[in-house]
Amino acid sequence: MYSYIKGRLAEKHPTHAIIDINGLGYMIHISLHTYALLADHEQCRLYLHHVVREDAELLFGFMEEEERTLFRQLISVSGIGANTARLILSSLTPEELIHAIVMKDVTTLKSVKGIGAKSAERIIVDLKDKLDKAVISAENLPVSHNTIKQEALTGLIILGFSKVQAEKAIDKILQSDKLIEGENAASVENIIKEALKIL
């Protein structure tokens, strides 16, 4: 029904963005990959996928058309809904996900919360032949230390984790040496990814 939305980026959070079009704000659910690519753009365009439920209509947005295609392929798999697909794309970059499916890497897929062996195998069986070995790059967004902790906490709570669990995981990660300078520097995206591995 909807192809894309283009407007002013009014708000940006790890799990959703608000796009302002002539004073009307549209809430768009996003993955961590798209969150990172949004950076600090004042204007943006997101490719959309429209989900209609009995109790709600949801819009999922993606900076890259390739990620939307991957999202749609994931939700075509039995047992994988829109929120699970977004969680997968928040735990793994599109490139990592494509590689895991093409290489039949069940272990990597199982590292995503809520994905067991059967679901991982089903994803591989259903999607392996559909995927090309495309390389989709992601970017990290540098932000202040206090801000990233709060945004990461908010993101994890929205994804369904309790505040106590999420805070413990974030504190553990920030006190460890897992987040170093460079490609794996502390960012909202990297903190949530690391937290998803231990929650």
Foldseek 3Di string as FASTA:
>chain_A
DAFKDKAFFPDAFQFWTWGDDPNDTDIAGEANQQSQVPAPDGIAMWTWDWDDDPVDIHIHTHRDPVLVVVLVLQCVQPPQHNLNSRQQCLLDPPLRVLVCLLVVPQVSSCLAPPQDSVNSNSSSVSPNVVDDNDDDDGHFHDDDPVVLLVSLLVVVVVSPDDSVLSNVQLVVVVPDCQADPDRRHDGNSNSNNSSSSPD
